Amino acid sequence: MRKAVLLLGGVICGALVGAAAGMLLAPKSGEDTRQYLQDRLDEIRQEALEAYEARRKQLLEEFEKAKKRAPKAAE
């Protein structure tokens, strides 16, 4: 149990030091960084949506082909 507490304490301290270093060494202001992250998140969402739609279309086409073949296979 003591090891787990020490590990958790180390992780928390490391996260705090990392966050402080990130803020101090960031090449852009906070507002610029937030805007960049928001823009990048929007791009990732759009790419994911496009990939989802493309895959969905592909699966629907394959499903339709399989439905057409199914009655023939049952004979």
PDB file of N, CA and C in Angstrom:
ATOM      1  N   MET A   1       0.830  -1.186   0.000  1.00  0.00           N
ATOM      2  CA  MET A   1       0.000   0.000   0.000  1.00  0.00           C
ATOM      3  C   MET A   1       0.877   1.252   0.000  1.00  0.00           C
ATOM      4  N   ARG A   2       1.959   1.195   0.754  1.00  0.00           N
ATOM      5  CA  ARG A   2       2.859   2.354   0.850  1.00  0.00           C
ATOM      6  C   ARG A   2       3.479   2.660  -0.509  1.00  0.00           C
ATOM      7  N   LYS A   3       3.822   1.614  -1.271  1.00  0.00           N
ATOM      8  CA  LYS A   3       4.402   1.807  -2.593  1.00  0.00           C
ATOM      9  C   LYS A   3       3.402   2.490  -3.524  1.00  0.00           C
ATOM     10  N   ALA A   4       2.159   2.111  -3.434  1.00  0.00           N
ATOM     11  CA  ALA A   4       1.124   2.705  -4.286  1.00  0.00           C
ATOM     12  C   ALA A   4       0.952   4.186  -3.972  1.00  0.00           C
ATOM     13  N   VAL A   5       0.984   4.530  -2.694  1.00  0.00           N
ATOM     14  CA  VAL A   5       0.847   5.933  -2.288  1.00  0.00           C
ATOM     15  C   VAL A   5       2.049   6.736  -2.781  1.00  0.00           C
ATOM     16  N   LEU A   6       3.241   6.171  -2.641  1.00  0.00           N
ATOM     17  CA  LEU A   6       4.443   6.851  -3.127  1.00  0.00           C
ATOM     18  C   LEU A   6       4.399   7.027  -4.650  1.00  0.00           C
ATOM     19  N   LEU A   7       3.951   6.004  -5.336  1.00  0.00           N
ATOM     20  CA  LEU A   7       3.840   6.087  -6.793  1.00  0.00           C
ATOM     21  C   LEU A   7       2.841   7.168  -7.192  1.00  0.00           C
ATOM     22  N   LEU A   8       1.693   7.183  -6.551  1.00  0.00           N
ATOM     23  CA  LEU A   8       0.672   8.188  -6.843  1.00  0.00           C
ATOM     24  C   LEU A   8       1.204   9.587  -6.553  1.00  0.00           C
ATOM     25  N   GLY A   9       1.901   9.751  -5.459  1.00  0.00           N
ATOM     26  CA  GLY A   9       2.503  11.047  -5.124  1.00  0.00           C
ATOM     27  C   GLY A   9       3.521  11.470  -6.176  1.00  0.00           C
ATOM     28  N   GLY A  10       4.316  10.544  -6.645  1.00  0.00           N
ATOM     29  CA  GLY A  10       5.299  10.836  -7.683  1.00  0.00           C
ATOM     30  C   GLY A  10       4.656  11.222  -9.000  1.00  0.00           C
ATOM     31  N   VAL A  11       3.588  10.535  -9.340  1.00  0.00           N
ATOM     32  CA  VAL A  11       2.865  10.850 -10.573  1.00  0.00           C
ATOM     33  C   VAL A  11       2.259  12.245 -10.497  1.00  0.00           C
ATOM     34  N   ILE A  12       1.659  12.569  -9.366  1.00  0.00           N
ATOM     35  CA  ILE A  12       1.051  13.898  -9.197  1.00  0.00           C
ATOM     36  C   ILE A  12       2.118  14.988  -9.253  1.00  0.00           C
ATOM     37  N   CYS A  13       3.229  14.784  -8.559  1.00  0.00           N
ATOM     38  CA  CYS A  13       4.320  15.769  -8.590  1.00  0.00           C
ATOM     39  C   CYS A  13       4.874  15.925 -10.006  1.00  0.00           C
ATOM     40  N   GLY A  14       5.041  14.829 -10.698  1.00  0.00           N
ATOM     41  CA  GLY A  14       5.540  14.882 -12.071  1.00  0.00           C
ATOM     42  C   GLY A  14       4.591  15.634 -12.989  1.00  0.00           C
ATOM     43  N   ALA A  15       3.298  15.410 -12.809  1.00  0.00           N
ATOM     44  CA  ALA A  15       2.304  16.105 -13.624  1.00  0.00           C
ATOM     45  C   ALA A  15       2.336  17.603 -13.355  1.00  0.00           C
ATOM     46  N   LEU A  16       2.458  17.976 -12.081  1.00  0.00           N
ATOM     47  CA  LEU A  16       2.514  19.394 -11.741  1.00  0.00           C
ATOM     48  C   LEU A  16       3.763  20.065 -12.300  1.00  0.00           C
ATOM     49  N   VAL A  17       4.908  19.400 -12.176  1.00  0.00           N
ATOM     50  CA  VAL A  17       6.149  19.949 -12.708  1.00  0.00           C
ATOM     51  C   VAL A  17       6.053  20.055 -14.239  1.00  0.00           C
ATOM     52  N   GLY A  18       5.509  19.053 -14.872  1.00  0.00           N
ATOM     53  CA  GLY A  18       5.361  19.072 -16.320  1.00  0.00           C
ATOM     54  C   GLY A  18       4.429  20.181 -16.781  1.00  0.00           C
ATOM     55  N   ALA A  19       3.317  20.382 -16.078  1.00  0.00           N
ATOM     56  CA  ALA A  19       2.374  21.447 -16.433  1.00  0.00           C
ATOM     57  C   ALA A  19       3.031  22.819 -16.256  1.00  0.00           C
ATOM     58  N   ALA A  20       3.758  22.996 -15.159  1.00  0.00           N
ATOM     59  CA  ALA A  20       4.435  24.279 -14.923  1.00  0.00           C
ATOM     60  C   ALA A  20       5.491  24.536 -15.993  1.00  0.00           C
ATOM     61  N   ALA A  21       6.259  23.524 -16.343  1.00  0.00           N
ATOM     62  CA  ALA A  21       7.289  23.686 -17.372  1.00  0.00           C
ATOM     63  C   ALA A  21       6.644  23.991 -18.716  1.00  0.00           C
ATOM     64  N   GLY A  22       5.539  23.337 -19.017  1.00  0.00           N
ATOM     65  CA  GLY A  22       4.832  23.593 -20.264  1.00  0.00           C
ATOM     66  C   GLY A  22       4.343  25.022 -20.360  1.00  0.00           C
ATOM     67  N   MET A  23       3.828  25.549 -19.260  1.00  0.00           N
ATOM     68  CA  MET A  23       3.348  26.928 -19.255  1.00  0.00           C
ATOM     69  C   MET A  23       4.499  27.925 -19.409  1.00  0.00           C
ATOM     70  N   LEU A  24       5.596  27.644 -18.746  1.00  0.00           N
ATOM     71  CA  LEU A  24       6.724  28.569 -18.796  1.00  0.00           C
ATOM     72  C   LEU A  24       7.469  28.527 -20.123  1.00  0.00           C
ATOM     73  N   LEU A  25       7.495  27.384 -20.746  1.00  0.00           N
ATOM     74  CA  LEU A  25       8.286  27.217 -21.959  1.00  0.00           C
ATOM     75  C   LEU A  25       7.450  27.226 -23.241  1.00  0.00           C
ATOM     76  N   ALA A  26       6.160  27.450 -23.127  1.00  0.00           N
ATOM     77  CA  ALA A  26       5.286  27.446 -24.303  1.00  0.00           C
ATOM     78  C   ALA A  26       5.682  28.568 -25.250  1.00  0.00           C
ATOM     79  N   PRO A  27       5.760  28.253 -26.554  1.00  0.00           N
ATOM     80  CA  PRO A  27       6.182  29.268 -27.510  1.00  0.00           C
ATOM     81  C   PRO A  27       5.102  30.303 -27.833  1.00  0.00           C
ATOM     82  N   LYS A  28       3.869  30.044 -27.435  1.00  0.00           N
ATOM     83  CA  LYS A  28       2.767  30.954 -27.736  1.00  0.00           C
ATOM     84  C   LYS A  28       2.061  31.346 -26.445  1.00  0.00           C
ATOM     85  N   SER A  29       1.244  32.380 -26.533  1.00  0.00           N
ATOM     86  CA  SER A  29       0.470  32.789 -25.364  1.00  0.00           C
ATOM     87  C   SER A  29      -0.623  31.760 -25.095  1.00  0.00           C
ATOM     88  N   GLY A  30      -1.219  31.854 -23.936  1.00  0.00           N
ATOM     89  CA  GLY A  30      -2.281  30.919 -23.573  1.00  0.00           C
ATOM     90  C   GLY A  30      -3.449  30.974 -24.535  1.00  0.00           C
ATOM     91  N   GLU A  31      -3.855  32.186 -24.928  1.00  0.00           N
ATOM     92  CA  GLU A  31      -4.981  32.334 -25.856  1.00  0.00           C
ATOM     93  C   GLU A  31      -4.647  31.716 -27.211  1.00  0.00           C
ATOM     94  N   ASP A  32      -3.430  31.960 -27.701  1.00  0.00           N
ATOM     95  CA  ASP A  32      -3.017  31.377 -28.978  1.00  0.00           C
ATOM     96  C   ASP A  32      -2.979  29.854 -28.898  1.00  0.00           C
ATOM     97  N   THR A  33      -2.473  29.343 -27.796  1.00  0.00           N
ATOM     98  CA  THR A  33      -2.391  27.894 -27.613  1.00  0.00           C
ATOM     99  C   THR A  33      -3.777  27.277 -27.552  1.00  0.00           C
ATOM    100  N   ARG A  34      -4.680  27.903 -26.797  1.00  0.00           N
ATOM    101  CA  ARG A  34      -6.053  27.384 -26.725  1.00  0.00           C
ATOM    102  C   ARG A  34      -6.719  27.400 -28.091  1.00  0.00           C
ATOM    103  N   GLN A  35      -6.516  28.458 -28.852  1.00  0.00           N
ATOM    104  CA  GLN A  35      -7.106  28.543 -30.189  1.00  0.00           C
ATOM    105  C   GLN A  35      -6.528  27.475 -31.108  1.00  0.00           C
ATOM    106  N   TYR A  36      -5.207  27.283 -31.024  1.00  0.00           N
ATOM    107  CA  TYR A  36      -4.562  26.244 -31.827  1.00  0.00           C
ATOM    108  C   TYR A  36      -5.130  24.867 -31.478  1.00  0.00           C
ATOM    109  N   LEU A  37      -5.250  24.581 -30.184  1.00  0.00           N
ATOM    110  CA  LEU A  37      -5.771  23.284 -29.759  1.00  0.00           C
ATOM    111  C   LEU A  37      -7.218  23.101 -30.199  1.00  0.00           C
ATOM    112  N   GLN A  38      -8.019  24.147 -30.119  1.00  0.00           N
ATOM    113  CA  GLN A  38      -9.416  24.073 -30.556  1.00  0.00           C
ATOM    114  C   GLN A  38      -9.488  23.812 -32.062  1.00  0.00           C
ATOM    115  N   ASP A  39      -8.668  24.528 -32.830  1.00  0.00           N
ATOM    116  CA  ASP A  39      -8.650  24.324 -34.281  1.00  0.00           C
ATOM    117  C   ASP A  39      -8.216  22.909 -34.627  1.00  0.00           C
ATOM    118  N   ARG A  40      -7.192  22.439 -33.941  1.00  0.00           N
ATOM    119  CA  ARG A  40      -6.691  21.078 -34.207  1.00  0.00           C
ATOM    120  C   ARG A  40      -7.734  20.036 -33.827  1.00  0.00           C
ATOM    121  N   LEU A  41      -8.431  20.247 -32.719  1.00  0.00           N
ATOM    122  CA  LEU A  41      -9.483  19.328 -32.306  1.00  0.00           C
ATOM    123  C   LEU A  41     -10.609  19.308 -33.336  1.00  0.00           C
ATOM    124  N   ASP A  42     -10.964  20.465 -33.869  1.00  0.00           N
ATOM    125  CA  ASP A  42     -11.994  20.526 -34.909  1.00  0.00           C
ATOM    126  C   ASP A  42     -11.559  19.755 -36.156  1.00  0.00           C
ATOM    127  N   GLU A  43     -10.283  19.879 -36.530  1.00  0.00           N
ATOM    128  CA  GLU A  43      -9.760  19.144 -37.681  1.00  0.00           C
ATOM    129  C   GLU A  43      -9.839  17.636 -37.444  1.00  0.00           C
ATOM    130  N   ILE A  44      -9.454  17.216 -36.248  1.00  0.00           N
ATOM    131  CA  ILE A  44      -9.478  15.783 -35.920  1.00  0.00           C
ATOM    132  C   ILE A  44     -10.909  15.259 -35.940  1.00  0.00           C
ATOM    133  N   ARG A  45     -11.834  16.032 -35.384  1.00  0.00           N
ATOM    134  CA  ARG A  45     -13.249  15.623 -35.418  1.00  0.00           C
ATOM    135  C   ARG A  45     -13.737  15.472 -36.852  1.00  0.00           C
ATOM    136  N   GLN A  46     -13.399  16.440 -37.710  1.00  0.00           N
ATOM    137  CA  GLN A  46     -13.841  16.394 -39.098  1.00  0.00           C
ATOM    138  C   GLN A  46     -13.248  15.188 -39.815  1.00  0.00           C
ATOM    139  N   GLU A  47     -11.964  14.919 -39.589  1.00  0.00           N
ATOM    140  CA  GLU A  47     -11.323  13.757 -40.204  1.00  0.00           C
ATOM    141  C   GLU A  47     -11.967  12.463 -39.723  1.00  0.00           C
ATOM    142  N   ALA A  48     -12.273  12.391 -38.435  1.00  0.00           N
ATOM    143  CA  ALA A  48     -12.915  11.193 -37.888  1.00  0.00           C
ATOM    144  C   ALA A  48     -14.304  11.007 -38.482  1.00  0.00           C
ATOM    145  N   LEU A  49     -15.047  12.089 -38.623  1.00  0.00           N
ATOM    146  CA  LEU A  49     -16.384  12.014 -39.208  1.00  0.00           C
ATOM    147  C   LEU A  49     -16.310  11.557 -40.663  1.00  0.00           C
ATOM    148  N   GLU A  50     -15.357  12.088 -41.420  1.00  0.00           N
ATOM    149  CA  GLU A  50     -15.200  11.679 -42.811  1.00  0.00           C
ATOM    150  C   GLU A  50     -14.814  10.206 -42.916  1.00  0.00           C
ATOM    151  N   ALA A  51     -13.914   9.752 -42.046  1.00  0.00           N
ATOM    152  CA  ALA A  51     -13.508   8.344 -42.039  1.00  0.00           C
ATOM    153  C   ALA A  51     -14.691   7.454 -41.666  1.00  0.00           C
ATOM    154  N   TYR A  52     -15.491   7.895 -40.704  1.00  0.00           N
ATOM    155  CA  TYR A  52     -16.674   7.141 -40.290  1.00  0.00           C
ATOM    156  C   TYR A  52     -17.656   7.010 -41.445  1.00  0.00           C
ATOM    157  N   GLU A  53     -17.920   8.127 -42.114  1.00  0.00           N
ATOM    158  CA  GLU A  53     -18.880   8.101 -43.221  1.00  0.00           C
ATOM    159  C   GLU A  53     -18.381   7.227 -44.372  1.00  0.00           C
ATOM    160  N   ALA A  54     -17.092   7.301 -44.686  1.00  0.00           N
ATOM    161  CA  ALA A  54     -16.538   6.480 -45.760  1.00  0.00           C
ATOM    162  C   ALA A  54     -16.645   4.999 -45.410  1.00  0.00           C
ATOM    163  N   ARG A  55     -16.306   4.663 -44.189  1.00  0.00           N
ATOM    164  CA  ARG A  55     -16.379   3.253 -43.767  1.00  0.00           C
ATOM    165  C   ARG A  55     -17.819   2.767 -43.726  1.00  0.00           C
ATOM    166  N   ARG A  56     -18.720   3.623 -43.252  1.00  0.00           N
ATOM    167  CA  ARG A  56     -20.144   3.272 -43.193  1.00  0.00           C
ATOM    168  C   ARG A  56     -20.668   2.984 -44.597  1.00  0.00           C
ATOM    169  N   LYS A  57     -20.310   3.833 -45.555  1.00  0.00           N
ATOM    170  CA  LYS A  57     -20.746   3.645 -46.935  1.00  0.00           C
ATOM    171  C   LYS A  57     -20.214   2.326 -47.481  1.00  0.00           C
ATOM    172  N   GLN A  58     -18.939   2.060 -47.215  1.00  0.00           N
ATOM    173  CA  GLN A  58     -18.324   0.823 -47.683  1.00  0.00           C
ATOM    174  C   GLN A  58     -19.033  -0.401 -47.094  1.00  0.00           C
ATOM    175  N   LEU A  59     -19.323  -0.360 -45.806  1.00  0.00           N
ATOM    176  CA  LEU A  59     -19.989  -1.494 -45.162  1.00  0.00           C
ATOM    177  C   LEU A  59     -21.406  -1.685 -45.682  1.00  0.00           C
ATOM    178  N   LEU A  60     -22.120  -0.598 -45.924  1.00  0.00           N
ATOM    179  CA  LEU A  60     -23.467  -0.714 -46.477  1.00  0.00           C
ATOM    180  C   LEU A  60     -23.442  -1.326 -47.873  1.00  0.00           C
ATOM    181  N   GLU A  61     -22.459  -0.943 -48.689  1.00  0.00           N
ATOM    182  CA  GLU A  61     -22.329  -1.530 -50.018  1.00  0.00           C
ATOM    183  C   GLU A  61     -22.045  -3.027 -49.925  1.00  0.00           C
ATOM    184  N   GLU A  62     -21.156  -3.402 -49.026  1.00  0.00           N
ATOM    185  CA  GLU A  62     -20.846  -4.823 -48.846  1.00  0.00           C
ATOM    186  C   GLU A  62     -22.060  -5.584 -48.334  1.00  0.00           C
ATOM    187  N   PHE A  63     -22.828  -4.971 -47.455  1.00  0.00           N
ATOM    188  CA  PHE A  63     -24.040  -5.607 -46.922  1.00  0.00           C
ATOM    189  C   PHE A  63     -25.059  -5.833 -48.036  1.00  0.00           C
ATOM    190  N   GLU A  64     -25.240  -4.836 -48.891  1.00  0.00           N
ATOM    191  CA  GLU A  64     -26.180  -4.979 -50.006  1.00  0.00           C
ATOM    192  C   GLU A  64     -25.740  -6.097 -50.947  1.00  0.00           C
ATOM    193  N   LYS A  65     -24.444  -6.189 -51.217  1.00  0.00           N
ATOM    194  CA  LYS A  65     -23.937  -7.264 -52.076  1.00  0.00           C
ATOM    195  C   LYS A  65     -24.195  -8.624 -51.429  1.00  0.00           C
ATOM    196  N   ALA A  66     -23.982  -8.713 -50.127  1.00  0.00           N
ATOM    197  CA  ALA A  66     -24.191  -9.979 -49.417  1.00  0.00           C
ATOM    198  C   ALA A  66     -25.662 -10.363 -49.422  1.00  0.00           C
ATOM    199  N   LYS A  67     -26.551  -9.377 -49.290  1.00  0.00           N
ATOM    200  CA  LYS A  67     -27.989  -9.668 -49.322  1.00  0.00           C
ATOM    201  C   LYS A  67     -28.397 -10.220 -50.687  1.00  0.00           C
ATOM    202  N   LYS A  68     -27.804  -9.693 -51.740  1.00  0.00           N
ATOM    203  CA  LYS A  68     -28.141 -10.180 -53.089  1.00  0.00           C
ATOM    204  C   LYS A  68     -27.635 -11.602 -53.312  1.00  0.00           C
ATOM    205  N   ARG A  69     -26.503 -11.938 -52.704  1.00  0.00           N
ATOM    206  CA  ARG A  69     -25.941 -13.273 -52.857  1.00  0.00           C
ATOM    207  C   ARG A  69     -26.639 -14.290 -51.967  1.00  0.00           C
ATOM    208  N   ALA A  70     -27.242 -13.877 -50.876  1.00  0.00           N
ATOM    209  CA  ALA A  70     -27.814 -14.804 -49.898  1.00  0.00           C
ATOM    210  C   ALA A  70     -28.916 -15.684 -50.491  1.00  0.00           C
ATOM    211  N   PRO A  71     -29.872 -15.158 -51.244  1.00  0.00           N
ATOM    212  CA  PRO A  71     -30.905 -16.061 -51.801  1.00  0.00           C
ATOM    213  C   PRO A  71     -30.323 -17.086 -52.745  1.00  0.00           C
ATOM    214  N   LYS A  72     -29.308 -16.732 -53.492  1.00  0.00           N
ATOM    215  CA  LYS A  72     -28.668 -17.684 -54.408  1.00  0.00           C
ATOM    216  C   LYS A  72     -27.985 -18.798 -53.636  1.00  0.00           C
ATOM    217  N   ALA A  73     -27.368 -18.468 -52.528  1.00  0.00           N
ATOM    218  CA  ALA A  73     -26.665 -19.454 -51.732  1.00  0.00           C
ATOM    219  C   ALA A  73     -27.635 -20.403 -51.042  1.00  0.00           C
ATOM    220  N   ALA A  74     -28.850 -19.921 -50.746  1.00  0.00           N
ATOM    221  CA  ALA A  74     -29.833 -20.753 -50.058  1.00  0.00           C
ATOM    222  C   ALA A  74     -30.423 -21.811 -50.980  1.00  0.00           C
ATOM    223  N   GLU A  75     -30.334 -21.606 -52.280  1.00  0.00           N
ATOM    224  CA  GLU A  75     -30.927 -22.557 -53.237  1.00  0.00           C
ATOM    225  C   GLU A  75     -30.126 -23.783 -53.391  1.00  0.00           C
TER     226      GLU A  75
END
